[in-house]
Amino acid sequence: MAEIDRIRWRCRRGMLELDLILERFLERHFDRLDAEERQMLCDLLERPDPELLELALGGKAPPDRRYQPLLDLLRTQ
């Protein structure tokens, strides 16, 4: 299974809003992410749905400043 397929599967969440945000993000930006950004995305996908949605919408500060550029990109949908 290709990396994009594994990540796409992990983006399937219990919240439709989050599914839509993450799917659009993958379609628009995944190919341009470097290895570190892809790992950060995987790290973020470990978070519970409500927390991840807050991060994606900007309602919560990232757990680490290094995530901010990725979250900013996620919010530019």
C-alpha atoms as a PDB file:
ATOM      1  CA  MET A   1       0.000   0.000   0.000  1.00  0.00           C
ATOM      2  CA  ALA A   2       1.383   3.403  -0.981  1.00  0.00           C
ATOM      3  CA  GLU A   3       2.084   6.047   1.649  1.00  0.00           C
ATOM      4  CA  ILE A   4      -0.709   8.306   0.400  1.00  0.00           C
ATOM      5  CA  ASP A   5      -3.179   5.422   0.656  1.00  0.00           C
ATOM      6  CA  ARG A   6      -2.158   4.665   4.250  1.00  0.00           C
ATOM      7  CA  ILE A   7      -2.486   8.302   5.232  1.00  0.00           C
ATOM      8  CA  ARG A   8      -5.785   8.687   3.375  1.00  0.00           C
ATOM      9  CA  TRP A   9      -7.135   5.709   5.331  1.00  0.00           C
ATOM     10  CA  ARG A  10      -6.004   7.324   8.607  1.00  0.00           C
ATOM     11  CA  CYS A  11      -7.772  10.533   7.580  1.00  0.00           C
ATOM     12  CA  ARG A  12     -11.112   8.734   7.662  1.00  0.00           C
ATOM     13  CA  ARG A  13     -12.479   9.946  10.953  1.00  0.00           C
ATOM     14  CA  GLY A  14     -15.714   9.811  12.912  1.00  0.00           C
ATOM     15  CA  MET A  15     -16.537  13.439  12.091  1.00  0.00           C
ATOM     16  CA  LEU A  16     -17.693  14.311   8.584  1.00  0.00           C
ATOM     17  CA  GLU A  17     -16.319  17.851   8.861  1.00  0.00           C
ATOM     18  CA  LEU A  18     -12.873  16.512   9.668  1.00  0.00           C
ATOM     19  CA  ASP A  19     -13.067  13.952   6.863  1.00  0.00           C
ATOM     20  CA  LEU A  20     -13.788  16.720   4.367  1.00  0.00           C
ATOM     21  CA  ILE A  21     -11.013  19.004   5.630  1.00  0.00           C
ATOM     22  CA  LEU A  22      -8.401  16.257   5.597  1.00  0.00           C
ATOM     23  CA  GLU A  23      -9.427  14.831   2.227  1.00  0.00           C
ATOM     24  CA  ARG A  24      -9.211  18.256   0.581  1.00  0.00           C
ATOM     25  CA  PHE A  25      -5.862  18.857   2.220  1.00  0.00           C
ATOM     26  CA  LEU A  26      -4.472  15.579   0.869  1.00  0.00           C
ATOM     27  CA  GLU A  27      -5.752  16.275  -2.642  1.00  0.00           C
ATOM     28  CA  ARG A  28      -4.283  19.765  -2.764  1.00  0.00           C
ATOM     29  CA  HIS A  29      -1.065  19.528  -0.783  1.00  0.00           C
ATOM     30  CA  PHE A  30       0.164  16.002  -0.084  1.00  0.00           C
ATOM     31  CA  ASP A  31       2.470  15.763  -3.096  1.00  0.00           C
ATOM     32  CA  ARG A  32       4.297  18.908  -2.006  1.00  0.00           C
ATOM     33  CA  LEU A  33       4.899  17.860   1.609  1.00  0.00           C
ATOM     34  CA  ASP A  34       8.420  16.839   2.524  1.00  0.00           C
ATOM     35  CA  ALA A  35       9.184  13.827   4.733  1.00  0.00           C
ATOM     36  CA  GLU A  36       9.156  15.881   7.948  1.00  0.00           C
ATOM     37  CA  GLU A  37       5.801  17.462   7.114  1.00  0.00           C
ATOM     38  CA  ARG A  38       4.333  14.061   6.284  1.00  0.00           C
ATOM     39  CA  GLN A  39       5.524  12.747   9.632  1.00  0.00           C
ATOM     40  CA  MET A  40       3.989  15.758  11.396  1.00  0.00           C
ATOM     41  CA  LEU A  41       0.710  15.039   9.610  1.00  0.00           C
ATOM     42  CA  CYS A  42       0.846  11.450  10.845  1.00  0.00           C
ATOM     43  CA  ASP A  43       1.557  12.724  14.358  1.00  0.00           C
ATOM     44  CA  LEU A  44      -1.469  15.018  14.193  1.00  0.00           C
ATOM     45  CA  LEU A  45      -3.643  12.135  12.999  1.00  0.00           C
ATOM     46  CA  GLU A  46      -2.907  10.387  16.312  1.00  0.00           C
ATOM     47  CA  ARG A  47      -4.931  13.051  18.144  1.00  0.00           C
ATOM     48  CA  PRO A  48      -8.604  12.527  19.044  1.00  0.00           C
ATOM     49  CA  ASP A  49     -11.135  13.871  16.548  1.00  0.00           C
ATOM     50  CA  PRO A  50     -12.385  16.834  18.629  1.00  0.00           C
ATOM     51  CA  GLU A  51      -8.827  18.025  19.288  1.00  0.00           C
ATOM     52  CA  LEU A  52      -7.772  17.556  15.676  1.00  0.00           C
ATOM     53  CA  LEU A  53     -10.813  19.511  14.473  1.00  0.00           C
ATOM     54  CA  GLU A  54      -9.975  22.381  16.850  1.00  0.00           C
ATOM     55  CA  LEU A  55      -6.396  22.395  15.555  1.00  0.00           C
ATOM     56  CA  ALA A  56      -7.595  22.329  11.947  1.00  0.00           C
ATOM     57  CA  LEU A  57     -10.001  25.211  12.508  1.00  0.00           C
ATOM     58  CA  GLY A  58      -7.556  27.305  14.522  1.00  0.00           C
ATOM     59  CA  GLY A  59      -9.471  27.096  17.789  1.00  0.00           C
ATOM     60  CA  LYS A  60      -6.568  25.499  19.602  1.00  0.00           C
ATOM     61  CA  ALA A  61      -2.853  26.216  19.642  1.00  0.00           C
ATOM     62  CA  PRO A  62      -0.655  23.453  18.205  1.00  0.00           C
ATOM     63  CA  PRO A  63       1.076  21.114  20.653  1.00  0.00           C
ATOM     64  CA  ASP A  64       4.415  22.318  19.308  1.00  0.00           C
ATOM     65  CA  ARG A  65       5.276  25.430  17.284  1.00  0.00           C
ATOM     66  CA  ARG A  66       6.818  23.352  14.514  1.00  0.00           C
ATOM     67  CA  TYR A  67       3.286  22.189  13.561  1.00  0.00           C
ATOM     68  CA  GLN A  68       2.106  25.732  12.862  1.00  0.00           C
ATOM     69  CA  PRO A  69       3.116  25.925   9.155  1.00  0.00           C
ATOM     70  CA  LEU A  70       1.390  22.607   8.454  1.00  0.00           C
ATOM     71  CA  LEU A  71      -1.750  23.718  10.291  1.00  0.00           C
ATOM     72  CA  ASP A  72      -1.705  27.020   8.423  1.00  0.00           C
ATOM     73  CA  LEU A  73      -1.595  25.076   5.164  1.00  0.00           C
ATOM     74  CA  LEU A  74      -4.445  22.870   6.378  1.00  0.00           C
ATOM     75  CA  ARG A  75      -6.530  25.979   7.072  1.00  0.00           C
ATOM     76  CA  THR A  76      -6.019  27.441   3.580  1.00  0.00           C
ATOM     77  CA  GLN A  77      -8.535  25.063   2.053  1.00  0.00           C
END
